[in-house]
């Protein structure tokens, strides 16, 4: 899965059926981090320039395939794998995303 933040500072889910990669791509300057954090809030939290946490509920809501049993199975497997790596926040179940900056 790929989440992109563009010039509008809002998160957009791309590649919702790619369960082998999980990252946040930000198309903005790092100086805009405070505005980006606010814009990202509906999806989770942008913790730092390198780490974002994305809620499971937001991911499910954004995927057009969310009702497809094969998508649900792939999503569950991705979450299970992330859990084995420590990439799931034990407090709220959010999944950790690597942040990639493109400007």
PDB file of N, CA and C in Angstrom:
ATOM      1  N   UNK A   1       0.849  -1.179   0.000  1.00  0.00           N
ATOM      2  CA  UNK A   1       0.000   0.000   0.000  1.00  0.00           C
ATOM      3  C   UNK A   1       0.885   1.229   0.000  1.00  0.00           C
ATOM      4  N   UNK A   2       0.369   2.221  -0.632  1.00  0.00           N
ATOM      5  CA  UNK A   2       1.081   3.478  -0.690  1.00  0.00           C
ATOM      6  C   UNK A   2       0.096   4.582  -0.335  1.00  0.00           C
ATOM      7  N   UNK A   3       0.514   5.447   0.542  1.00  0.00           N
ATOM      8  CA  UNK A   3      -0.283   6.606   0.914  1.00  0.00           C
ATOM      9  C   UNK A   3       0.502   7.816   0.453  1.00  0.00           C
ATOM     10  N   UNK A   4      -0.162   8.705  -0.244  1.00  0.00           N
ATOM     11  CA  UNK A   4       0.515   9.885  -0.780  1.00  0.00           C
ATOM     12  C   UNK A   4      -0.121  11.144  -0.190  1.00  0.00           C
ATOM     13  N   UNK A   5       0.755  12.064   0.200  1.00  0.00           N
ATOM     14  CA  UNK A   5       0.306  13.393   0.607  1.00  0.00           C
ATOM     15  C   UNK A   5       0.832  14.362  -0.444  1.00  0.00           C
ATOM     16  N   UNK A   6      -0.097  15.036  -1.089  1.00  0.00           N
ATOM     17  CA  UNK A   6       0.276  15.994  -2.118  1.00  0.00           C
ATOM     18  C   UNK A   6       0.238  17.417  -1.602  1.00  0.00           C
ATOM     19  N   UNK A   7       0.092  18.319  -2.506  1.00  0.00           N
ATOM     20  CA  UNK A   7       0.104  19.738  -2.163  1.00  0.00           C
ATOM     21  C   UNK A   7      -1.073  20.143  -1.268  1.00  0.00           C
ATOM     22  N   UNK A   8      -2.130  19.341  -1.267  1.00  0.00           N
ATOM     23  CA  UNK A   8      -3.294  19.668  -0.428  1.00  0.00           C
ATOM     24  C   UNK A   8      -3.103  19.236   1.029  1.00  0.00           C
ATOM     25  N   UNK A   9      -1.975  18.553   1.326  1.00  0.00           N
ATOM     26  CA  UNK A   9      -1.621  18.086   2.672  1.00  0.00           C
ATOM     27  C   UNK A   9      -2.563  17.001   3.185  1.00  0.00           C
ATOM     28  N   UNK A  10      -3.394  16.440   2.310  1.00  0.00           N
ATOM     29  CA  UNK A  10      -4.322  15.378   2.702  1.00  0.00           C
ATOM     30  C   UNK A  10      -3.785  14.020   2.244  1.00  0.00           C
ATOM     31  N   UNK A  11      -4.008  12.972   3.035  1.00  0.00           N
ATOM     32  CA  UNK A  11      -3.548  11.641   2.646  1.00  0.00           C
ATOM     33  C   UNK A  11      -4.497  11.000   1.631  1.00  0.00           C
ATOM     34  N   UNK A  12      -3.916  10.308   0.661  1.00  0.00           N
ATOM     35  CA  UNK A  12      -4.679   9.597  -0.363  1.00  0.00           C
ATOM     36  C   UNK A  12      -4.091   8.193  -0.496  1.00  0.00           C
ATOM     37  N   UNK A  13      -4.944   7.186  -0.419  1.00  0.00           N
ATOM     38  CA  UNK A  13      -4.484   5.804  -0.540  1.00  0.00           C
ATOM     39  C   UNK A  13      -4.338   5.439  -2.009  1.00  0.00           C
ATOM     40  N   UNK A  14      -3.163   4.922  -2.353  1.00  0.00           N
ATOM     41  CA  UNK A  14      -2.894   4.395  -3.679  1.00  0.00           C
ATOM     42  C   UNK A  14      -2.449   2.946  -3.523  1.00  0.00           C
ATOM     43  N   UNK A  15      -2.614   2.167  -4.554  1.00  0.00           N
ATOM     44  CA  UNK A  15      -2.216   0.759  -4.527  1.00  0.00           C
ATOM     45  C   UNK A  15      -2.820   0.023  -3.324  1.00  0.00           C
ATOM     46  N   UNK A  16      -4.138   0.091  -3.142  1.00  0.00           N
ATOM     47  CA  UNK A  16      -4.744  -0.530  -1.956  1.00  0.00           C
ATOM     48  C   UNK A  16      -4.643  -2.046  -1.920  1.00  0.00           C
ATOM     49  N   UNK A  17      -4.311  -2.660  -3.049  1.00  0.00           N
ATOM     50  CA  UNK A  17      -4.197  -4.119  -3.059  1.00  0.00           C
ATOM     51  C   UNK A  17      -2.747  -4.594  -3.090  1.00  0.00           C
ATOM     52  N   UNK A  18      -1.795  -3.688  -2.880  1.00  0.00           N
ATOM     53  CA  UNK A  18      -0.386  -4.059  -2.775  1.00  0.00           C
ATOM     54  C   UNK A  18      -0.073  -4.269  -1.297  1.00  0.00           C
ATOM     55  N   UNK A  19      -0.053  -5.520  -0.885  1.00  0.00           N
ATOM     56  CA  UNK A  19       0.169  -5.844   0.525  1.00  0.00           C
ATOM     57  C   UNK A  19       1.634  -6.136   0.838  1.00  0.00           C
ATOM     58  N   UNK A  20       2.521  -5.957  -0.123  1.00  0.00           N
ATOM     59  CA  UNK A  20       3.939  -6.272   0.076  1.00  0.00           C
ATOM     60  C   UNK A  20       4.762  -5.044   0.452  1.00  0.00           C
ATOM     61  N   UNK A  21       4.201  -3.877   0.311  1.00  0.00           N
ATOM     62  CA  UNK A  21       4.914  -2.661   0.674  1.00  0.00           C
ATOM     63  C   UNK A  21       3.964  -1.712   1.386  1.00  0.00           C
ATOM     64  N   UNK A  22       4.501  -0.926   2.288  1.00  0.00           N
ATOM     65  CA  UNK A  22       3.658   0.004   3.039  1.00  0.00           C
ATOM     66  C   UNK A  22       4.475   1.247   3.334  1.00  0.00           C
ATOM     67  N   UNK A  23       4.138   2.337   2.662  1.00  0.00           N
ATOM     68  CA  UNK A  23       4.885   3.572   2.900  1.00  0.00           C
ATOM     69  C   UNK A  23       4.012   4.791   2.659  1.00  0.00           C
ATOM     70  N   UNK A  24       4.499   5.883   3.190  1.00  0.00           N
ATOM     71  CA  UNK A  24       3.878   7.190   3.010  1.00  0.00           C
ATOM     72  C   UNK A  24       4.834   8.029   2.178  1.00  0.00           C
ATOM     73  N   UNK A  25       4.353   8.526   1.049  1.00  0.00           N
ATOM     74  CA  UNK A  25       5.149   9.394   0.189  1.00  0.00           C
ATOM     75  C   UNK A  25       4.613  10.808   0.350  1.00  0.00           C
ATOM     76  N   UNK A  26       5.506  11.727   0.711  1.00  0.00           N
ATOM     77  CA  UNK A  26       5.114  13.121   0.931  1.00  0.00           C
ATOM     78  C   UNK A  26       5.731  13.977  -0.160  1.00  0.00           C
ATOM     79  N   UNK A  27       4.873  14.666  -0.881  1.00  0.00           N
ATOM     80  CA  UNK A  27       5.315  15.567  -1.947  1.00  0.00           C
ATOM     81  C   UNK A  27       5.236  17.000  -1.437  1.00  0.00           C
ATOM     82  N   UNK A  28       6.149  17.324  -0.543  1.00  0.00           N
ATOM     83  CA  UNK A  28       6.175  18.653   0.069  1.00  0.00           C
ATOM     84  C   UNK A  28       7.548  18.861   0.691  1.00  0.00           C
ATOM     85  N   UNK A  29       7.802  20.064   1.088  1.00  0.00           N
ATOM     86  CA  UNK A  29       9.047  20.386   1.778  1.00  0.00           C
ATOM     87  C   UNK A  29       8.931  19.978   3.250  1.00  0.00           C
ATOM     88  N   UNK A  30      10.018  19.582   3.825  1.00  0.00           N
ATOM     89  CA  UNK A  30      10.034  19.186   5.237  1.00  0.00           C
ATOM     90  C   UNK A  30       9.627  20.336   6.160  1.00  0.00           C
ATOM     91  N   UNK A  31       9.832  21.558   5.723  1.00  0.00           N
ATOM     92  CA  UNK A  31       9.448  22.720   6.530  1.00  0.00           C
ATOM     93  C   UNK A  31       7.942  22.785   6.752  1.00  0.00           C
ATOM     94  N   UNK A  32       7.184  22.088   5.921  1.00  0.00           N
ATOM     95  CA  UNK A  32       5.725  22.085   6.051  1.00  0.00           C
ATOM     96  C   UNK A  32       5.228  21.006   7.013  1.00  0.00           C
ATOM     97  N   UNK A  33       6.125  20.391   7.774  1.00  0.00           N
ATOM     98  CA  UNK A  33       5.742  19.294   8.663  1.00  0.00           C
ATOM     99  C   UNK A  33       4.559  19.616   9.584  1.00  0.00           C
ATOM    100  N   UNK A  34       4.493  20.783  10.228  1.00  0.00           N
ATOM    101  CA  UNK A  34       3.325  21.059  11.084  1.00  0.00           C
ATOM    102  C   UNK A  34       1.995  21.014  10.309  1.00  0.00           C
ATOM    103  N   UNK A  35       1.964  21.566   9.116  1.00  0.00           N
ATOM    104  CA  UNK A  35       0.743  21.541   8.306  1.00  0.00           C
ATOM    105  C   UNK A  35       0.447  20.105   7.825  1.00  0.00           C
ATOM    106  N   UNK A  36       1.504  19.373   7.499  1.00  0.00           N
ATOM    107  CA  UNK A  36       1.335  17.995   7.059  1.00  0.00           C
ATOM    108  C   UNK A  36       0.771  17.125   8.174  1.00  0.00           C
ATOM    109  N   UNK A  37       1.244  17.351   9.399  1.00  0.00           N
ATOM    110  CA  UNK A  37       0.718  16.593  10.537  1.00  0.00           C
ATOM    111  C   UNK A  37      -0.775  16.831  10.692  1.00  0.00           C
ATOM    112  N   UNK A  38      -1.192  18.069  10.558  1.00  0.00           N
ATOM    113  CA  UNK A  38      -2.619  18.397  10.679  1.00  0.00           C
ATOM    114  C   UNK A  38      -3.412  17.767   9.543  1.00  0.00           C
ATOM    115  N   UNK A  39      -2.892  17.828   8.337  1.00  0.00           N
ATOM    116  CA  UNK A  39      -3.592  17.263   7.189  1.00  0.00           C
ATOM    117  C   UNK A  39      -3.671  15.751   7.231  1.00  0.00           C
ATOM    118  N   UNK A  40      -2.688  15.116   7.852  1.00  0.00           N
ATOM    119  CA  UNK A  40      -2.627  13.658   7.933  1.00  0.00           C
ATOM    120  C   UNK A  40      -3.529  13.098   9.032  1.00  0.00           C
ATOM    121  N   UNK A  41      -3.960  13.925   9.944  1.00  0.00           N
ATOM    122  CA  UNK A  41      -4.703  13.485  11.132  1.00  0.00           C
ATOM    123  C   UNK A  41      -5.879  12.547  10.852  1.00  0.00           C
ATOM    124  N   UNK A  42      -6.663  12.731   9.790  1.00  0.00           N
ATOM    125  CA  UNK A  42      -7.759  11.785   9.556  1.00  0.00           C
ATOM    126  C   UNK A  42      -7.290  10.342   9.330  1.00  0.00           C
ATOM    127  N   UNK A  43      -6.040  10.169   8.887  1.00  0.00           N
ATOM    128  CA  UNK A  43      -5.508   8.840   8.593  1.00  0.00           C
ATOM    129  C   UNK A  43      -4.729   8.236   9.760  1.00  0.00           C
ATOM    130  N   UNK A  44      -4.317   9.076  10.687  1.00  0.00           N
ATOM    131  CA  UNK A  44      -3.500   8.600  11.796  1.00  0.00           C
ATOM    132  C   UNK A  44      -2.657   9.727  12.334  1.00  0.00           C
ATOM    133  N   UNK A  45      -1.368   9.440  12.528  1.00  0.00           N
ATOM    134  CA  UNK A  45      -0.498  10.502  13.021  1.00  0.00           C
ATOM    135  C   UNK A  45       0.860  10.438  12.331  1.00  0.00           C
ATOM    136  N   UNK A  46       1.321  11.577  11.958  1.00  0.00           N
ATOM    137  CA  UNK A  46       2.652  11.739  11.382  1.00  0.00           C
ATOM    138  C   UNK A  46       3.556  12.085  12.549  1.00  0.00           C
ATOM    139  N   UNK A  47       4.265  11.092  13.039  1.00  0.00           N
ATOM    140  CA  UNK A  47       5.040  11.233  14.265  1.00  0.00           C
ATOM    141  C   UNK A  47       6.292  12.090  14.076  1.00  0.00           C
ATOM    142  N   UNK A  48       6.957  11.894  12.952  1.00  0.00           N
ATOM    143  CA  UNK A  48       8.200  12.609  12.691  1.00  0.00           C
ATOM    144  C   UNK A  48       8.433  12.643  11.182  1.00  0.00           C
ATOM    145  N   UNK A  49       9.581  13.127  10.784  1.00  0.00           N
ATOM    146  CA  UNK A  49       9.920  13.142   9.360  1.00  0.00           C
ATOM    147  C   UNK A  49      10.120  11.735   8.804  1.00  0.00           C
ATOM    148  N   UNK A  50      10.315  10.755   9.673  1.00  0.00           N
ATOM    149  CA  UNK A  50      10.595   9.393   9.235  1.00  0.00           C
ATOM    150  C   UNK A  50       9.497   8.382   9.541  1.00  0.00           C
ATOM    151  N   UNK A  51       8.595   8.697  10.451  1.00  0.00           N
ATOM    152  CA  UNK A  51       7.621   7.705  10.923  1.00  0.00           C
ATOM    153  C   UNK A  51       6.205   8.255  10.897  1.00  0.00           C
ATOM    154  N   UNK A  52       5.309   7.443  10.340  1.00  0.00           N
ATOM    155  CA  UNK A  52       3.875   7.748  10.383  1.00  0.00           C
ATOM    156  C   UNK A  52       3.148   6.504  10.884  1.00  0.00           C
ATOM    157  N   UNK A  53       2.038   6.723  11.554  1.00  0.00           N
ATOM    158  CA  UNK A  53       1.182   5.638  12.036  1.00  0.00           C
ATOM    159  C   UNK A  53      -0.177   5.813  11.381  1.00  0.00           C
ATOM    160  N   UNK A  54      -0.657   4.762  10.718  1.00  0.00           N
ATOM    161  CA  UNK A  54      -1.898   4.824   9.952  1.00  0.00           C
ATOM    162  C   UNK A  54      -2.915   3.895  10.595  1.00  0.00           C
ATOM    163  N   UNK A  55      -4.131   4.402  10.809  1.00  0.00           N
ATOM    164  CA  UNK A  55      -5.133   3.568  11.454  1.00  0.00           C
ATOM    165  C   UNK A  55      -5.680   2.520  10.487  1.00  0.00           C
ATOM    166  N   UNK A  56      -5.968   1.381  11.048  1.00  0.00           N
ATOM    167  CA  UNK A  56      -6.572   0.295  10.271  1.00  0.00           C
ATOM    168  C   UNK A  56      -7.922   0.738   9.710  1.00  0.00           C
ATOM    169  N   UNK A  57      -8.688   1.457  10.512  1.00  0.00           N
ATOM    170  CA  UNK A  57     -10.018   1.910  10.073  1.00  0.00           C
ATOM    171  C   UNK A  57      -9.918   2.821   8.846  1.00  0.00           C
ATOM    172  N   UNK A  58      -8.937   3.719   8.830  1.00  0.00           N
ATOM    173  CA  UNK A  58      -8.782   4.620   7.678  1.00  0.00           C
ATOM    174  C   UNK A  58      -8.415   3.825   6.440  1.00  0.00           C
ATOM    175  N   UNK A  59      -7.487   2.882   6.574  1.00  0.00           N
ATOM    176  CA  UNK A  59      -7.091   2.069   5.422  1.00  0.00           C
ATOM    177  C   UNK A  59      -8.278   1.308   4.852  1.00  0.00           C
ATOM    178  N   UNK A  60      -9.039   0.692   5.734  1.00  0.00           N
ATOM    179  CA  UNK A  60     -10.216  -0.058   5.267  1.00  0.00           C
ATOM    180  C   UNK A  60     -11.231   0.870   4.591  1.00  0.00           C
ATOM    181  N   UNK A  61     -11.471   2.013   5.169  1.00  0.00           N
ATOM    182  CA  UNK A  61     -12.457   2.943   4.621  1.00  0.00           C
ATOM    183  C   UNK A  61     -12.040   3.479   3.253  1.00  0.00           C
ATOM    184  N   UNK A  62     -10.740   3.624   3.017  1.00  0.00           N
ATOM    185  CA  UNK A  62     -10.254   4.207   1.768  1.00  0.00           C
ATOM    186  C   UNK A  62     -10.179   3.201   0.624  1.00  0.00           C
ATOM    187  N   UNK A  63     -10.152   1.920   0.930  1.00  0.00           N
ATOM    188  CA  UNK A  63      -9.983   0.918  -0.120  1.00  0.00           C
ATOM    189  C   UNK A  63     -11.297   0.608  -0.831  1.00  0.00           C
ATOM    190  N   UNK A  64     -11.326   0.733  -2.156  1.00  0.00           N
ATOM    191  CA  UNK A  64     -12.537   0.366  -2.890  1.00  0.00           C
ATOM    192  C   UNK A  64     -12.809  -1.143  -2.848  1.00  0.00           C
ATOM    193  N   UNK A  65     -11.806  -1.934  -2.498  1.00  0.00           N
ATOM    194  CA  UNK A  65     -11.973  -3.397  -2.436  1.00  0.00           C
ATOM    195  C   UNK A  65     -12.289  -3.895  -1.028  1.00  0.00           C
ATOM    196  N   UNK A  66     -12.577  -3.018  -0.111  1.00  0.00           N
ATOM    197  CA  UNK A  66     -12.716  -3.397   1.302  1.00  0.00           C
ATOM    198  C   UNK A  66     -13.727  -4.511   1.557  1.00  0.00           C
ATOM    199  N   UNK A  67     -14.720  -4.674   0.681  1.00  0.00           N
ATOM    200  CA  UNK A  67     -15.727  -5.717   0.880  1.00  0.00           C
ATOM    201  C   UNK A  67     -15.373  -7.027   0.184  1.00  0.00           C
ATOM    202  N   UNK A  68     -14.283  -7.051  -0.538  1.00  0.00           N
ATOM    203  CA  UNK A  68     -13.841  -8.245  -1.259  1.00  0.00           C
ATOM    204  C   UNK A  68     -13.137  -9.187  -0.283  1.00  0.00           C
ATOM    205  N   UNK A  69     -13.595 -10.428  -0.164  1.00  0.00           N
ATOM    206  CA  UNK A  69     -12.967 -11.357   0.782  1.00  0.00           C
ATOM    207  C   UNK A  69     -11.476 -11.573   0.522  1.00  0.00           C
ATOM    208  N   UNK A  70     -11.056 -11.567  -0.737  1.00  0.00           N
ATOM    209  CA  UNK A  70      -9.625 -11.765  -1.001  1.00  0.00           C
ATOM    210  C   UNK A  70      -8.821 -10.543  -0.547  1.00  0.00           C
ATOM    211  N   UNK A  71      -9.399  -9.335  -0.675  1.00  0.00           N
ATOM    212  CA  UNK A  71      -8.716  -8.137  -0.175  1.00  0.00           C
ATOM    213  C   UNK A  71      -8.618  -8.205   1.347  1.00  0.00           C
ATOM    214  N   UNK A  72      -9.700  -8.582   1.991  1.00  0.00           N
ATOM    215  CA  UNK A  72      -9.699  -8.684   3.451  1.00  0.00           C
ATOM    216  C   UNK A  72      -8.657  -9.683   3.937  1.00  0.00           C
ATOM    217  N   UNK A  73      -8.525 -10.810   3.230  1.00  0.00           N
ATOM    218  CA  UNK A  73      -7.535 -11.817   3.591  1.00  0.00           C
ATOM    219  C   UNK A  73      -6.115 -11.262   3.421  1.00  0.00           C
ATOM    220  N   UNK A  74      -5.857 -10.596   2.307  1.00  0.00           N
ATOM    221  CA  UNK A  74      -4.543  -9.991   2.081  1.00  0.00           C
ATOM    222  C   UNK A  74      -4.221  -8.930   3.116  1.00  0.00           C
ATOM    223  N   UNK A  75      -5.209  -8.129   3.466  1.00  0.00           N
ATOM    224  CA  UNK A  75      -5.013  -7.083   4.470  1.00  0.00           C
ATOM    225  C   UNK A  75      -4.699  -7.693   5.830  1.00  0.00           C
ATOM    226  N   UNK A  76      -5.438  -8.727   6.187  1.00  0.00           N
ATOM    227  CA  UNK A  76      -5.201  -9.412   7.462  1.00  0.00           C
ATOM    228  C   UNK A  76      -3.782  -9.984   7.514  1.00  0.00           C
ATOM    229  N   UNK A  77      -3.344 -10.596   6.424  1.00  0.00           N
ATOM    230  CA  UNK A  77      -1.990 -11.163   6.376  1.00  0.00           C
ATOM    231  C   UNK A  77      -0.935 -10.071   6.496  1.00  0.00           C
ATOM    232  N   UNK A  78      -1.168  -8.929   5.845  1.00  0.00           N
ATOM    233  CA  UNK A  78      -0.229  -7.811   5.952  1.00  0.00           C
ATOM    234  C   UNK A  78      -0.139  -7.331   7.401  1.00  0.00           C
ATOM    235  N   UNK A  79      -1.278  -7.195   8.046  1.00  0.00           N
ATOM    236  CA  UNK A  79      -1.299  -6.752   9.441  1.00  0.00           C
ATOM    237  C   UNK A  79      -0.624  -7.780  10.352  1.00  0.00           C
ATOM    238  N   UNK A  80      -0.869  -9.061  10.106  1.00  0.00           N
ATOM    239  CA  UNK A  80      -0.228 -10.105  10.912  1.00  0.00           C
ATOM    240  C   UNK A  80       1.290 -10.050  10.761  1.00  0.00           C
ATOM    241  N   UNK A  81       1.758  -9.859   9.535  1.00  0.00           N
ATOM    242  CA  UNK A  81       3.199  -9.752   9.297  1.00  0.00           C
ATOM    243  C   UNK A  81       3.770  -8.529  10.018  1.00  0.00           C
ATOM    244  N   UNK A  82       3.100  -7.402   9.886  1.00  0.00           N
ATOM    245  CA  UNK A  82       3.552  -6.176  10.543  1.00  0.00           C
ATOM    246  C   UNK A  82       3.635  -6.370  12.054  1.00  0.00           C
ATOM    247  N   UNK A  83       2.696  -7.108  12.592  1.00  0.00           N
ATOM    248  CA  UNK A  83       2.690  -7.377  14.040  1.00  0.00           C
ATOM    249  C   UNK A  83       3.942  -8.149  14.448  1.00  0.00           C
ATOM    250  N   UNK A  84       4.380  -9.118  13.623  1.00  0.00           N
ATOM    251  CA  UNK A  84       5.579  -9.907  13.960  1.00  0.00           C
ATOM    252  C   UNK A  84       6.837  -9.047  13.934  1.00  0.00           C
ATOM    253  N   UNK A  85       6.808  -7.941  13.198  1.00  0.00           N
ATOM    254  CA  UNK A  85       7.955  -7.045  13.085  1.00  0.00           C
ATOM    255  C   UNK A  85       7.914  -5.900  14.100  1.00  0.00           C
ATOM    256  N   UNK A  86       6.833  -5.825  14.886  1.00  0.00           N
ATOM    257  CA  UNK A  86       6.698  -4.745  15.852  1.00  0.00           C
ATOM    258  C   UNK A  86       6.224  -3.443  15.233  1.00  0.00           C
ATOM    259  N   UNK A  87       5.586  -3.520  14.071  1.00  0.00           N
ATOM    260  CA  UNK A  87       5.136  -2.332  13.351  1.00  0.00           C
ATOM    261  C   UNK A  87       3.671  -1.991  13.630  1.00  0.00           C
ATOM    262  N   UNK A  88       3.093  -2.598  14.647  1.00  0.00           N
ATOM    263  CA  UNK A  88       1.723  -2.285  15.044  1.00  0.00           C
ATOM    264  C   UNK A  88       1.782  -1.629  16.426  1.00  0.00           C
ATOM    265  N   UNK A  89       1.167  -0.470  16.546  1.00  0.00           N
ATOM    266  CA  UNK A  89       1.141   0.235  17.830  1.00  0.00           C
ATOM    267  C   UNK A  89       0.226  -0.545  18.778  1.00  0.00           C
ATOM    268  N   UNK A  90       0.756  -1.032  19.901  1.00  0.00           N
ATOM    269  CA  UNK A  90      -0.067  -1.821  20.813  1.00  0.00           C
ATOM    270  C   UNK A  90      -1.188  -1.028  21.472  1.00  0.00           C
ATOM    271  N   UNK A  91      -1.080   0.296  21.497  1.00  0.00           N
ATOM    272  CA  UNK A  91      -2.116   1.100  22.141  1.00  0.00           C
ATOM    273  C   UNK A  91      -3.346   1.289  21.263  1.00  0.00           C
ATOM    274  N   UNK A  92      -3.137   1.534  19.962  1.00  0.00           N
ATOM    275  CA  UNK A  92      -4.312   1.810  19.122  1.00  0.00           C
ATOM    276  C   UNK A  92      -4.408   0.951  17.862  1.00  0.00           C
ATOM    277  N   UNK A  93      -3.449   0.034  17.651  1.00  0.00           N
ATOM    278  CA  UNK A  93      -3.508  -0.870  16.514  1.00  0.00           C
ATOM    279  C   UNK A  93      -3.088  -0.265  15.189  1.00  0.00           C
ATOM    280  N   UNK A  94      -2.569   0.969  15.205  1.00  0.00           N
ATOM    281  CA  UNK A  94      -2.118   1.605  13.970  1.00  0.00           C
ATOM    282  C   UNK A  94      -0.891   0.881  13.424  1.00  0.00           C
ATOM    283  N   UNK A  95      -0.722   0.953  12.122  1.00  0.00           N
ATOM    284  CA  UNK A  95       0.419   0.329  11.474  1.00  0.00           C
ATOM    285  C   UNK A  95       1.452   1.397  11.115  1.00  0.00           C
ATOM    286  N   UNK A  96       2.698   1.063  11.344  1.00  0.00           N
ATOM    287  CA  UNK A  96       3.795   1.995  11.103  1.00  0.00           C
ATOM    288  C   UNK A  96       4.129   2.037   9.606  1.00  0.00           C
ATOM    289  N   UNK A  97       4.274   3.233   9.095  1.00  0.00           N
ATOM    290  CA  UNK A  97       4.638   3.425   7.695  1.00  0.00           C
ATOM    291  C   UNK A  97       5.975   4.133   7.604  1.00  0.00           C
ATOM    292  N   UNK A  98       6.794   3.681   6.702  1.00  0.00           N
ATOM    293  CA  UNK A  98       8.032   4.370   6.363  1.00  0.00           C
ATOM    294  C   UNK A  98       7.654   5.637   5.605  1.00  0.00           C
ATOM    295  N   UNK A  99       8.336   6.741   5.868  1.00  0.00           N
ATOM    296  CA  UNK A  99       8.043   8.011   5.198  1.00  0.00           C
ATOM    297  C   UNK A  99       9.130   8.297   4.170  1.00  0.00           C
ATOM    298  N   UNK A 100       8.694   8.594   2.976  1.00  0.00           N
ATOM    299  CA  UNK A 100       9.591   8.949   1.880  1.00  0.00           C
ATOM    300  C   UNK A 100       9.236  10.349   1.400  1.00  0.00           C
ATOM    301  N   UNK A 101      10.218  11.234   1.361  1.00  0.00           N
ATOM    302  CA  UNK A 101       9.987  12.627   0.951  1.00  0.00           C
ATOM    303  C   UNK A 101      10.370  12.800  -0.512  1.00  0.00           C
ATOM    304  N   UNK A 102       9.475  13.421  -1.266  1.00  0.00           N
ATOM    305  CA  UNK A 102       9.713  13.744  -2.668  1.00  0.00           C
ATOM    306  C   UNK A 102       9.300  15.190  -2.856  1.00  0.00           C
ATOM    307  N   UNK A 103      10.228  16.026  -3.260  1.00  0.00           N
ATOM    308  CA  UNK A 103       9.837  17.433  -3.454  1.00  0.00           C
ATOM    309  C   UNK A 103      10.400  17.971  -4.747  1.00  0.00           C
TER     310      UNK A 103
END
